[in-house]
Each structure stands twice: as C-alpha cells, then as structure tokens.
Amino acid sequence: MTDAVPNTANLPSQPYRSAVVSGRKPLHFKFTPDAAARAQIAAALDLIDLPEFTFKGELSPAGRADVTLRADLEALVVQPCAVTLAPVRSKLKDSTERRYMYEFVEPEADELEIPSDDIEALPEVIDVAAIAIEALALALPLYPRARGAEFGEVVFAAPGVEPLKSEDLRPFAGLAGLVDKLKKPDEPAS
C-alpha cells in the first residue's frame, strides 16, 4: 500500500480561490470524479477499483478572512485482501473539517504538540479534489480482509531446536488458572 497521503500532482483537481469565500457567503461544492478520474485515483491509492466516489460540502467564511471547509465523503472501494489478495469491497462514509487561517503562524519548536483541530495557513487556492483524495486515503481500511480469510500460524526454528509458538509468547495466559488453584475452597470464584 502507498503512503497514507498520495501524491496528487497528476490527479484530478477542483480548485477554488480562497478570496471568493473569505468574508463572503458559503460556497457549496461537489467533487464527483468520472470513471477515468476514479481509475487514476484508484491507481494512486493501490486500489483494485473505485466504483463510487463523492465528496460534497462547503467552504464557508470564518471571521473576516479565515475559511472553514466541511465535507462528507462517500465511496465504494475495492482493495486487495491483506491475507489472500482477493478483492474486498468496502463502503466508506467519513466527514472532514479543516480551518484555514489568514494570519496563520507556523509554530517554531523542536517538539510540537499536535493541535486537535486541522488548522492550516489560508492558501490562495483550495483544491477540493486534493482534499477529497487525501480524505479517501485516510479513510481506507488498513488491512482489508476477505470473508473467511485468516492468518495461519507459521513456526520457524533451526534444525534440532523446538520452535517457539504463539502460545509461548503469552507468559501471563496461565495465571488465571493458577489464581483459581491458589484460592481457598471457601472463597468464591471471581
């Protein structure tokens, strides 16, 4: 799988000038790429197919010069199963909100606390398609699994050495039974 945020340089674009929104009325948008654009997005995100993809919302003014983007994502994606590579279909629904500040100051420090809100500097152009593709990439299931697909246990060891198994790596698994054995007969079991 590619990075969570794909390179959107050769992908569809739907730009809006931020000056059109800041200090004015909300601007409603809908990004619904055609089949060719969905194929490009699917290839960029290592998807088998992207049959449906819609990102709709609004860019609204916040204060005198700031802008807020609120949008809902709906998509149907087909990814390879993490175990068998069989196609796995997933219906995705997610919401995105970003705040763009005109007078944004990038914090200068070695260690930064990540803010709870997505706040960025207000760009001249807000590309709704790029935001939609990033939101889709972040909403994808990390390890999609086909129905009935399971990881088997793999055991490795040098010749003549007893292999280490998954149960051997759980040192506290037997403690529950030991606690029950150590209880006095008149104590109630927990």
Protein backbone atom coordinates (compact mmCIF):
# COMPACT_ATOMS: atom_id res chain seq x y z
CA MET A 1 0.00 0.00 0.00
CA THR A 2 1.22 3.52 -0.69
CA ASP A 3 1.70 6.28 1.85
CA ALA A 4 -1.49 7.42 3.60
CA VAL A 5 -1.40 10.70 1.68
CA PRO A 6 -0.84 10.20 -2.05
CA ASN A 7 0.99 12.48 -4.45
CA THR A 8 -1.88 14.41 -6.07
CA ALA A 9 0.20 16.12 -8.77
CA ASN A 10 -1.26 14.08 -11.67
CA LEU A 11 -4.70 13.54 -10.18
CA PRO A 12 -7.97 15.40 -10.78
CA SER A 13 -8.23 18.95 -9.49
CA GLN A 14 -11.16 21.16 -8.48
CA PRO A 15 -9.65 24.46 -7.29
CA TYR A 16 -11.44 27.38 -5.68
CA ARG A 17 -9.83 30.75 -4.99
CA SER A 18 -9.97 31.39 -1.27
CA ALA A 19 -10.60 35.11 -1.88
CA VAL A 20 -14.01 34.17 -3.33
CA VAL A 21 -15.03 32.69 0.03
CA SER A 22 -13.30 34.64 2.80
CA GLY A 23 -15.59 37.30 4.26
CA ARG A 24 -18.47 36.33 1.96
CA LYS A 25 -21.20 33.71 1.66
CA PRO A 26 -20.53 29.96 1.83
CA LEU A 27 -19.54 28.23 -1.40
CA HIS A 28 -21.11 24.79 -1.88
CA PHE A 29 -19.15 22.21 -3.85
CA LYS A 30 -19.43 18.63 -5.01
CA PHE A 31 -16.50 16.59 -6.29
CA THR A 32 -17.68 13.51 -8.18
CA PRO A 33 -14.92 12.29 -10.50
CA ASP A 34 -15.79 10.47 -13.72
CA ALA A 35 -14.71 6.88 -14.44
CA ALA A 36 -11.31 7.89 -15.89
CA ALA A 37 -10.52 10.13 -12.92
CA ARG A 38 -11.64 7.42 -10.48
CA ALA A 39 -9.29 4.99 -12.25
CA GLN A 40 -6.40 7.46 -11.77
CA ILE A 41 -7.25 7.84 -8.08
CA ALA A 42 -7.58 4.06 -7.66
CA ALA A 43 -4.13 3.54 -9.22
CA ALA A 44 -2.58 6.22 -6.97
CA LEU A 45 -4.05 4.57 -3.85
CA ASP A 46 -3.29 0.96 -4.92
CA LEU A 47 -6.98 0.12 -5.13
CA ILE A 48 -8.37 -2.55 -7.43
CA ASP A 49 -11.34 -0.33 -8.27
CA LEU A 50 -13.13 2.82 -7.14
CA PRO A 51 -16.69 2.43 -8.49
CA GLU A 52 -18.18 5.33 -6.47
CA PHE A 53 -16.65 8.48 -5.00
CA THR A 54 -18.36 11.68 -3.88
CA PHE A 55 -17.03 14.49 -1.72
CA LYS A 56 -19.53 17.29 -1.09
CA GLY A 57 -19.65 20.16 1.32
CA GLU A 58 -18.99 23.84 1.66
CA LEU A 59 -16.28 26.40 2.06
CA SER A 60 -17.57 28.99 4.48
CA PRO A 61 -16.16 32.25 5.80
CA ALA A 62 -14.96 32.31 9.41
CA GLY A 63 -14.32 35.80 10.67
CA ARG A 64 -13.01 38.45 8.30
CA ALA A 65 -10.52 36.40 6.29
CA ASP A 66 -10.47 32.78 7.52
CA VAL A 67 -12.19 29.88 5.75
CA THR A 68 -13.63 26.60 7.04
CA LEU A 69 -14.09 23.53 4.85
CA ARG A 70 -16.70 20.97 5.91
CA ALA A 71 -17.42 17.99 3.68
CA ASP A 72 -18.78 14.46 3.64
CA LEU A 73 -17.08 11.66 1.79
CA GLU A 74 -18.89 8.62 0.42
CA ALA A 75 -17.08 5.97 -1.57
CA LEU A 76 -17.19 2.36 -2.62
CA VAL A 77 -13.68 0.93 -2.83
CA VAL A 78 -12.28 -2.44 -3.86
CA GLN A 79 -8.98 -3.33 -2.22
CA PRO A 80 -6.86 -6.48 -2.20
CA CYS A 81 -7.32 -8.66 0.89
CA ALA A 82 -4.34 -8.37 3.25
CA VAL A 83 -4.22 -12.18 3.52
CA THR A 84 -5.33 -13.66 0.18
CA LEU A 85 -5.20 -10.65 -2.20
CA ALA A 86 -8.84 -11.41 -3.17
CA PRO A 87 -10.93 -8.30 -3.92
CA VAL A 88 -12.61 -6.78 -0.83
CA ARG A 89 -15.41 -4.23 -1.28
CA SER A 90 -15.87 -1.56 1.39
CA LYS A 91 -18.46 1.20 1.63
CA LEU A 92 -16.88 4.27 3.24
CA LYS A 93 -18.52 7.31 4.85
CA ASP A 94 -16.48 9.99 6.58
CA SER A 95 -16.56 13.68 7.42
CA THR A 96 -13.78 16.20 7.03
CA GLU A 97 -13.35 19.62 8.58
CA ARG A 98 -10.41 21.96 8.04
CA ARG A 99 -9.82 25.52 9.14
CA TYR A 100 -7.71 27.86 7.04
CA MET A 101 -6.38 30.93 8.84
CA TYR A 102 -5.28 34.07 7.00
CA GLU A 103 -2.83 35.06 9.76
CA PHE A 104 -1.56 31.55 10.50
CA VAL A 105 1.85 31.38 12.19
CA GLU A 106 3.76 28.12 11.93
CA PRO A 107 4.92 27.11 15.43
CA GLU A 108 8.69 27.05 15.83
CA ALA A 109 9.88 24.39 18.24
CA ASP A 110 11.72 21.10 18.28
CA GLU A 111 8.77 19.27 19.79
CA LEU A 112 5.29 20.44 18.90
CA GLU A 113 2.01 19.47 20.44
CA ILE A 114 -0.38 18.45 17.71
CA PRO A 115 -3.46 20.66 17.78
CA SER A 116 -6.86 18.98 17.99
CA ASP A 117 -8.17 20.93 15.00
CA ASP A 118 -6.89 20.76 11.45
CA ILE A 119 -5.68 24.35 11.11
CA GLU A 120 -3.58 25.44 8.16
CA ALA A 121 -2.44 28.64 6.53
CA LEU A 122 -5.00 30.01 4.07
CA PRO A 123 -3.73 29.23 0.56
CA GLU A 124 -4.64 31.32 -2.49
CA VAL A 125 -6.34 28.27 -3.97
CA ILE A 126 -8.12 25.47 -2.09
CA ASP A 127 -8.14 22.29 -4.19
CA VAL A 128 -11.21 20.36 -3.08
CA ALA A 129 -10.25 17.32 -5.17
CA ALA A 130 -6.84 17.04 -3.48
CA ILE A 131 -8.52 17.26 -0.06
CA ALA A 132 -11.07 14.64 -1.13
CA ILE A 133 -8.37 12.21 -2.28
CA GLU A 134 -6.41 12.72 0.93
CA ALA A 135 -9.58 12.12 2.98
CA LEU A 136 -10.25 8.94 1.00
CA ALA A 137 -6.70 7.70 1.55
CA LEU A 138 -7.04 8.26 5.29
CA ALA A 139 -10.46 6.55 5.45
CA LEU A 140 -9.35 3.34 3.70
CA PRO A 141 -9.26 0.18 5.81
CA LEU A 142 -5.60 -0.55 6.59
CA TYR A 143 -5.85 -4.33 6.39
CA PRO A 144 -8.97 -5.32 4.46
CA ARG A 145 -9.88 -8.98 4.83
CA ALA A 146 -11.95 -11.19 2.56
CA ARG A 147 -14.69 -13.21 4.23
CA GLY A 148 -13.15 -16.29 5.88
CA ALA A 149 -9.53 -15.19 5.33
CA GLU A 150 -7.37 -15.94 8.34
CA PHE A 151 -3.69 -15.84 9.12
CA GLY A 152 -2.29 -19.30 9.83
CA GLU A 153 0.40 -19.87 12.41
CA VAL A 154 3.88 -20.02 10.94
CA VAL A 155 6.55 -21.74 13.00
CA PHE A 156 10.28 -21.27 12.37
CA ALA A 157 13.21 -22.92 14.12
CA ALA A 158 16.71 -24.13 13.40
CA PRO A 159 17.15 -27.91 12.96
CA GLY A 160 17.08 -29.69 16.34
CA VAL A 161 15.53 -26.69 18.18
CA GLU A 162 11.94 -26.74 19.41
CA PRO A 163 10.02 -23.98 17.58
CA LEU A 164 8.57 -21.05 19.52
CA LYS A 165 4.79 -20.88 19.08
CA SER A 166 2.29 -18.05 19.61
CA GLU A 167 1.07 -19.51 22.91
CA ASP A 168 4.65 -19.50 24.23
CA LEU A 169 4.72 -15.72 23.75
CA ARG A 170 1.83 -15.18 26.19
CA PRO A 171 3.55 -15.52 29.58
CA PHE A 172 0.51 -14.46 31.60
CA ALA A 173 -2.04 -16.71 29.88
CA GLY A 174 -1.73 -19.44 32.52
CA LEU A 175 -2.02 -17.08 35.50
CA ALA A 176 -5.83 -17.20 35.59
CA GLY A 177 -5.75 -20.95 36.17
CA LEU A 178 -3.03 -20.59 38.80
CA VAL A 179 -5.06 -17.99 40.71
CA ASP A 180 -8.05 -20.37 40.79
CA LYS A 181 -5.85 -23.19 42.16
CA LEU A 182 -4.41 -20.98 44.91
CA LYS A 183 -7.81 -19.81 46.21
CA LYS A 184 -9.05 -21.38 49.39
CA PRO A 185 -12.05 -23.68 49.00
CA ASP A 186 -14.35 -21.34 50.97
CA GLU A 187 -13.56 -18.29 48.75
CA PRO A 188 -15.97 -17.59 45.91
CA ALA A 189 -14.51 -17.78 42.40
CA SER A 190 -14.13 -14.48 40.60
